Amino acid sequence: MSTGLQPVITKAGLAAILTATKTGLSAEISHIALGSQAYTPSADQKTLRNEVARFPISSGEKLSGTLLHLTAVADGTTGYWVKEVGIFLKDGTLLAVWSHLTEALAYKAANIDLLLAYDLSLAALPADSVTITSTAAGLNLTLAASLAAQATALIDEQLRGLKQHDRQVSQERLQQIAGEQISSLLDRMSAAEKAAIQTRDGLLSVAIANATGLIALQYTVIQHIHGA
């Protein structure tokens, strides 16, 4: 989606266009500059008040004799609010400037590319007096790299999710196996305890029988002695 800009045409930019048209040429737009200061722009400006970075035009097309569509990619490690925009000619002349006292145009996050897409109205200039110098291949490569980085990040996140899921499944399986082993151990302990009880009861019965037999034998001996 494009943002419509109606910038102030600078006196220096107008002079450059008049010079070009006198020689049968068109002035060439080549760069977009972004700045961070908010104000009411002036036709006397030759620079932005607080330019942060300048970027080459990646692609552009004429929508009409006085309406241009420009795109560029703003990269860099600095984060800032875009409060002023400068359109520069190939020779470095500030052609047009946009700013607003209270409204920011966009936010450029640190280390994240910002795609700039502007429909630039140059109704104050002669029709077809401006052309565009662009590097369309650069835009394609930049966008491809950006999309590749986003895809890589998404794949990494999905991979982390899968690994976490696998770890969770493995942990649940281990818990299930441990539970089964504990249950089996408890069953074996119960069986051993039952066997021990049965063995103890058997030994107790044998001991009682032996004691009873011994008592009976002693009683028989005593009777025999007394009878004698």
Protein backbone atom coordinates (compact mmCIF):
# COMPACT_ATOMS: atom_id res chain seq x y z
CA MET A 1 0.00 0.00 0.00
CA SER A 2 1.35 3.44 -0.97
CA THR A 3 1.32 6.60 1.12
CA GLY A 4 0.33 9.75 -0.72
CA LEU A 5 2.76 12.62 -0.25
CA GLN A 6 2.21 16.23 -1.28
CA PRO A 7 5.61 17.72 -0.46
CA VAL A 8 6.81 21.27 -0.72
CA ILE A 9 8.87 21.83 -3.87
CA THR A 10 12.10 23.61 -2.97
CA LYS A 11 13.46 26.61 -4.81
CA ALA A 12 16.70 24.71 -5.43
CA GLY A 13 14.77 21.77 -6.86
CA LEU A 14 12.69 24.00 -9.12
CA ALA A 15 15.83 25.73 -10.40
CA ALA A 16 17.41 22.33 -11.18
CA ILE A 17 14.31 21.28 -13.13
CA LEU A 18 14.21 24.53 -15.10
CA THR A 19 17.87 24.12 -15.96
CA ALA A 20 17.27 20.56 -17.14
CA THR A 21 14.23 21.42 -19.24
CA LYS A 22 16.10 24.24 -20.99
CA THR A 23 18.57 21.66 -22.26
CA GLY A 24 15.80 19.28 -23.26
CA LEU A 25 16.40 16.93 -20.35
CA SER A 26 14.43 15.83 -17.33
CA ALA A 27 15.64 16.05 -13.75
CA GLU A 28 16.28 12.61 -12.28
CA ILE A 29 15.04 11.55 -8.83
CA SER A 30 17.48 9.06 -7.33
CA HIS A 31 17.19 9.00 -3.51
CA ILE A 32 14.76 9.26 -0.63
CA ALA A 33 16.02 10.63 2.70
CA LEU A 34 14.34 10.07 6.07
CA GLY A 35 14.63 12.34 9.07
CA SER A 36 13.36 12.50 12.63
CA GLN A 37 12.41 16.18 13.15
CA ALA A 38 8.82 17.45 12.84
CA TYR A 39 8.14 20.93 11.45
CA THR A 40 6.41 22.87 8.69
CA PRO A 41 8.58 22.47 5.57
CA SER A 42 9.86 25.46 3.62
CA ALA A 43 10.65 26.02 -0.05
CA ASP A 44 13.97 27.53 1.03
CA GLN A 45 15.25 24.22 2.43
CA LYS A 46 18.26 22.56 0.88
CA THR A 47 18.53 19.71 3.40
CA LEU A 48 16.39 17.94 5.94
CA ARG A 49 16.62 19.37 9.44
CA ASN A 50 17.71 16.08 10.99
CA GLU A 51 18.43 13.56 8.25
CA VAL A 52 18.99 10.05 9.64
CA ALA A 53 19.61 8.08 6.46
CA ARG A 54 19.35 8.29 2.67
CA PHE A 55 18.33 5.41 0.42
CA PRO A 56 18.43 4.86 -3.37
CA ILE A 57 15.15 4.57 -5.24
CA SER A 58 14.53 0.86 -5.74
CA SER A 59 11.79 1.19 -8.33
CA GLY A 60 9.48 3.83 -9.72
CA GLU A 61 6.87 4.51 -12.33
CA LYS A 62 4.91 7.41 -13.70
CA LEU A 63 1.24 7.23 -12.81
CA SER A 64 0.64 10.48 -14.68
CA GLY A 65 2.63 13.46 -15.90
CA THR A 66 2.84 14.85 -12.35
CA LEU A 67 2.27 11.77 -10.17
CA LEU A 68 5.10 9.34 -9.47
CA HIS A 69 5.14 6.05 -7.60
CA LEU A 70 8.42 5.51 -5.74
CA THR A 71 9.64 2.59 -3.65
CA ALA A 72 12.79 2.12 -1.60
CA VAL A 73 14.03 -0.07 1.22
CA ALA A 74 15.16 1.63 4.43
CA ASP A 75 17.65 -0.54 6.28
CA GLY A 76 20.08 0.09 9.13
CA THR A 77 20.62 -0.51 12.83
CA THR A 78 18.99 2.71 14.04
CA GLY A 79 15.38 2.95 15.17
CA TYR A 80 13.50 6.26 14.74
CA TRP A 81 10.17 7.87 13.91
CA VAL A 82 10.01 9.11 10.32
CA LYS A 83 8.86 12.72 10.67
CA GLU A 84 10.43 14.22 7.56
CA VAL A 85 11.03 12.91 4.04
CA GLY A 86 13.30 14.40 1.41
CA ILE A 87 13.25 13.62 -2.32
CA PHE A 88 16.69 14.15 -3.83
CA LEU A 89 17.78 14.51 -7.43
CA LYS A 90 20.69 12.61 -8.90
CA ASP A 91 22.97 15.64 -8.50
CA GLY A 92 22.19 15.84 -4.75
CA THR A 93 19.67 18.69 -4.95
CA LEU A 94 16.73 18.52 -2.53
CA LEU A 95 13.76 18.56 -4.89
CA ALA A 96 10.93 18.25 -2.39
CA VAL A 97 10.43 17.92 1.35
CA TRP A 98 7.59 16.62 3.49
CA SER A 99 7.08 16.99 7.23
CA HIS A 100 4.27 17.49 9.74
CA LEU A 101 4.25 19.19 13.11
CA THR A 102 2.29 16.47 14.93
CA GLU A 103 2.14 13.38 12.71
CA ALA A 104 4.86 10.81 12.07
CA LEU A 105 4.81 9.04 8.72
CA ALA A 106 6.13 5.67 9.97
CA TYR A 107 8.48 4.05 12.45
CA LYS A 108 11.78 2.54 11.31
CA ALA A 109 12.66 -0.23 13.77
CA ALA A 110 16.31 -1.05 14.45
CA ASN A 111 17.74 -3.89 12.32
CA ILE A 112 14.43 -4.34 10.46
CA ASP A 113 14.00 -3.24 6.84
CA LEU A 114 11.18 -0.78 6.16
CA LEU A 115 9.62 -0.80 2.70
CA LEU A 116 8.90 2.75 1.56
CA ALA A 117 6.15 3.14 -1.04
CA TYR A 118 5.09 6.68 -1.89
CA ASP A 119 2.81 8.21 -4.49
CA LEU A 120 4.52 11.56 -5.01
CA SER A 121 2.40 14.42 -6.33
CA LEU A 122 4.42 17.00 -8.26
CA ALA A 123 1.48 19.04 -9.55
CA ALA A 124 3.46 22.25 -9.01
CA LEU A 125 6.00 21.16 -11.63
CA PRO A 126 5.74 21.01 -15.43
CA ALA A 127 4.40 17.69 -16.66
CA ASP A 128 7.04 15.07 -17.46
CA SER A 129 9.82 17.29 -16.13
CA VAL A 130 11.04 14.60 -13.72
CA THR A 131 12.20 11.05 -14.33
CA ILE A 132 13.30 8.31 -11.92
CA THR A 133 16.65 6.60 -11.52
CA SER A 134 15.99 3.25 -9.87
CA THR A 135 17.70 -0.02 -8.98
CA ALA A 136 14.85 -2.48 -9.38
CA ALA A 137 17.18 -5.48 -9.07
CA GLY A 138 18.36 -4.17 -5.71
CA LEU A 139 14.78 -4.03 -4.46
CA ASN A 140 14.11 -7.59 -5.57
CA LEU A 141 17.28 -8.84 -3.90
CA THR A 142 16.56 -6.93 -0.71
CA LEU A 143 13.00 -8.15 -0.51
CA ALA A 144 14.14 -11.69 -1.29
CA ALA A 145 16.68 -11.51 1.52
CA SER A 146 14.08 -10.07 3.88
CA LEU A 147 11.54 -12.75 2.99
CA ALA A 148 14.20 -15.44 3.29
CA ALA A 149 15.12 -14.16 6.75
CA GLN A 150 11.46 -14.16 7.80
CA ALA A 151 10.98 -17.67 6.38
CA THR A 152 14.10 -18.89 8.17
CA ALA A 153 12.87 -17.41 11.45
CA LEU A 154 9.47 -19.05 10.95
CA ILE A 155 11.03 -22.42 10.17
CA ASP A 156 13.29 -22.14 13.23
CA GLU A 157 10.27 -21.35 15.41
CA GLN A 158 8.35 -24.30 13.97
CA LEU A 159 11.38 -26.55 14.50
CA ARG A 160 11.65 -25.41 18.12
CA GLY A 161 7.95 -26.19 18.53
CA LEU A 162 8.39 -29.66 17.05
CA LYS A 163 11.40 -30.36 19.26
CA GLN A 164 9.49 -29.18 22.31
CA HIS A 165 6.55 -31.38 21.29
CA ASP A 166 8.88 -34.34 20.78
CA ARG A 167 10.45 -33.74 24.19
CA GLN A 168 7.00 -33.58 25.75
CA VAL A 169 5.92 -36.78 24.02
CA SER A 170 9.17 -38.49 25.03
CA GLN A 171 8.73 -37.34 28.62
CA GLU A 172 5.13 -38.58 28.68
CA ARG A 173 6.27 -41.93 27.23
CA LEU A 174 9.02 -42.20 29.83
CA GLN A 175 6.51 -41.42 32.56
CA GLN A 176 4.18 -44.09 31.16
CA ILE A 177 6.99 -46.66 31.06
CA ALA A 178 8.05 -45.73 34.59
CA GLY A 179 4.47 -46.08 35.76
CA GLU A 180 4.20 -49.50 34.15
CA GLN A 181 7.47 -50.59 35.74
CA ILE A 182 6.39 -49.35 39.17
CA SER A 183 3.03 -51.13 38.81
CA SER A 184 4.82 -54.35 37.81
CA LEU A 185 7.21 -53.99 40.75
CA LEU A 186 4.32 -53.48 43.15
CA ASP A 187 2.61 -56.59 41.76
CA ARG A 188 5.81 -58.62 42.22
CA MET A 189 6.25 -57.25 45.76
CA SER A 190 2.68 -58.16 46.59
CA ALA A 191 3.18 -61.67 45.22
CA ALA A 192 6.44 -62.06 47.13
CA GLU A 193 4.79 -60.83 50.30
CA LYS A 194 1.95 -63.28 49.83
CA ALA A 195 4.41 -66.09 49.20
CA ALA A 196 6.37 -65.07 52.29
CA ILE A 197 3.18 -65.14 54.35
CA GLN A 198 2.31 -68.57 52.98
CA THR A 199 5.86 -69.80 53.66
CA ARG A 200 5.75 -68.33 57.17
CA ASP A 201 2.40 -69.96 57.86
CA GLY A 202 3.76 -73.28 56.57
CA LEU A 203 6.85 -73.06 58.73
CA LEU A 204 4.71 -72.13 61.72
CA SER A 205 2.51 -75.18 61.15
CA VAL A 206 5.58 -77.41 60.90
CA ALA A 207 7.00 -75.88 64.08
CA ILE A 208 3.71 -76.40 65.92
CA ALA A 209 3.50 -79.99 64.68
CA ASN A 210 7.08 -80.67 65.78
CA ALA A 211 6.43 -79.12 69.18
CA THR A 212 3.25 -81.16 69.60
CA GLY A 213 5.11 -84.34 68.66
CA LEU A 214 7.92 -83.53 71.06
CA ILE A 215 5.50 -82.90 73.93
CA ALA A 216 3.70 -86.15 73.19
CA LEU A 217 7.00 -88.01 73.16
CA GLN A 218 8.04 -86.46 76.46
CA TYR A 219 4.68 -87.37 78.02
CA THR A 220 5.07 -90.99 76.87
CA VAL A 221 8.53 -91.17 78.38
CA ILE A 222 7.32 -89.75 81.69
CA GLN A 223 4.46 -92.30 81.85
CA HIS A 224 6.89 -95.10 81.09
CA ILE A 225 9.20 -94.00 83.89
CA HIS A 226 6.42 -93.70 86.41
CA GLY A 227 5.00 -97.13 85.39
CA ALA A 228 8.31 -98.74 85.87
